[in-house]
Amino acid sequence: MADAYELARLADSLEAAVAGRSSTLLVAGSGGLGASRLLDEAERRIAALPEPIAVVRCRALPGRAWAPYAPIADGLGRLVGRLPD
């Protein structure tokens, strides 16, 4: 699991979002370092908030280095696809 520093940064970012201040977290790391567990914890905490907060979760894939923004476009595409008409 993430250490206290990462969880504190996560909590700060969520508090800012709830207060109406935009916030962005970039989680990066090699496989096995706990980034997925940290993101799972972030989503758990976000689901418990009284106000809905949009989450865009992206993943870079090997072999797609030619398209550096593809993970962001994929994540935003999933978010937009969930919006009501």
Protein backbone atom coordinates (compact mmCIF):
# COMPACT_ATOMS: atom_id res chain seq x y z
CA MET A 1 0.00 0.00 0.00
CA ALA A 2 1.05 3.61 -0.43
CA ASP A 3 2.99 5.25 2.33
CA ALA A 4 1.79 8.14 4.48
CA TYR A 5 3.18 10.80 2.13
CA GLU A 6 1.22 9.58 -0.91
CA LEU A 7 -1.97 9.16 1.13
CA ALA A 8 -1.57 12.68 2.56
CA ARG A 9 -1.15 14.12 -0.95
CA LEU A 10 -4.25 12.21 -2.02
CA ALA A 11 -6.23 13.57 0.93
CA ASP A 12 -5.06 17.15 0.20
CA SER A 13 -6.10 16.84 -3.44
CA LEU A 14 -9.53 15.47 -2.52
CA GLU A 15 -10.09 18.24 0.04
CA ALA A 16 -9.21 20.84 -2.62
CA ALA A 17 -11.63 19.26 -5.09
CA VAL A 18 -14.47 19.18 -2.55
CA ALA A 19 -13.78 22.86 -1.78
CA GLY A 20 -14.17 23.69 -5.47
CA ARG A 21 -10.48 24.06 -6.31
CA SER A 22 -9.34 22.01 -9.25
CA SER A 23 -6.69 19.46 -8.53
CA THR A 24 -4.69 17.01 -10.55
CA LEU A 25 -2.70 14.01 -9.41
CA LEU A 26 -0.27 12.21 -11.66
CA VAL A 27 0.67 8.76 -10.43
CA ALA A 28 3.51 7.14 -12.30
CA GLY A 29 5.77 4.23 -11.58
CA SER A 30 7.04 0.90 -12.73
CA GLY A 31 4.95 -2.19 -12.28
CA GLY A 32 4.81 -3.54 -8.75
CA LEU A 33 5.37 -0.25 -6.93
CA GLY A 34 1.77 0.11 -5.73
CA ALA A 35 0.40 2.74 -8.11
CA SER A 36 -2.71 0.68 -8.86
CA ARG A 37 -3.38 0.16 -5.15
CA LEU A 38 -3.01 3.91 -4.55
CA LEU A 39 -5.48 4.64 -7.36
CA ASP A 40 -7.89 2.04 -6.01
CA GLU A 41 -7.72 3.77 -2.62
CA ALA A 42 -8.30 7.14 -4.29
CA GLU A 43 -11.41 5.82 -6.04
CA ARG A 44 -12.66 4.31 -2.76
CA ARG A 45 -12.27 7.65 -1.00
CA ILE A 46 -13.87 9.56 -3.88
CA ALA A 47 -16.88 7.24 -3.88
CA ALA A 48 -17.42 8.10 -0.18
CA LEU A 49 -17.54 11.87 -0.83
CA PRO A 50 -20.90 13.65 -0.70
CA GLU A 51 -20.35 15.42 -4.04
CA PRO A 52 -19.60 13.58 -7.28
CA ILE A 53 -16.07 14.02 -8.58
CA ALA A 54 -14.97 12.92 -12.05
CA VAL A 55 -12.06 10.51 -12.18
CA VAL A 56 -10.05 9.87 -15.32
CA ARG A 57 -7.82 6.85 -14.98
CA CYS A 58 -5.33 6.33 -17.81
CA ARG A 59 -2.77 3.66 -18.51
CA ALA A 60 0.20 3.80 -20.86
CA LEU A 61 0.73 0.61 -22.79
CA PRO A 62 3.94 -0.80 -24.22
CA GLY A 63 4.16 -0.40 -27.96
CA ARG A 64 2.22 2.87 -28.03
CA ALA A 65 5.15 5.23 -27.52
CA TRP A 66 4.34 6.69 -30.94
CA ALA A 67 1.10 8.06 -29.44
CA PRO A 68 2.14 9.75 -26.18
CA TYR A 69 -1.28 11.32 -25.54
CA ALA A 70 -3.24 8.15 -26.31
CA PRO A 71 -3.72 7.19 -22.63
CA ILE A 72 -5.17 10.63 -21.85
CA ALA A 73 -7.41 10.58 -24.93
CA ASP A 74 -8.62 7.08 -23.99
CA GLY A 75 -9.37 8.15 -20.41
CA LEU A 76 -11.18 11.31 -21.44
CA GLY A 77 -13.12 9.37 -24.08
CA ARG A 78 -14.46 7.03 -21.37
CA LEU A 79 -15.40 10.04 -19.22
CA VAL A 80 -17.21 11.81 -22.06
CA GLY A 81 -18.99 8.58 -22.96
CA ARG A 82 -20.58 8.53 -19.47
CA LEU A 83 -21.97 12.07 -19.72
CA PRO A 84 -25.72 12.44 -20.18
CA ASP A 85 -26.89 13.68 -23.58
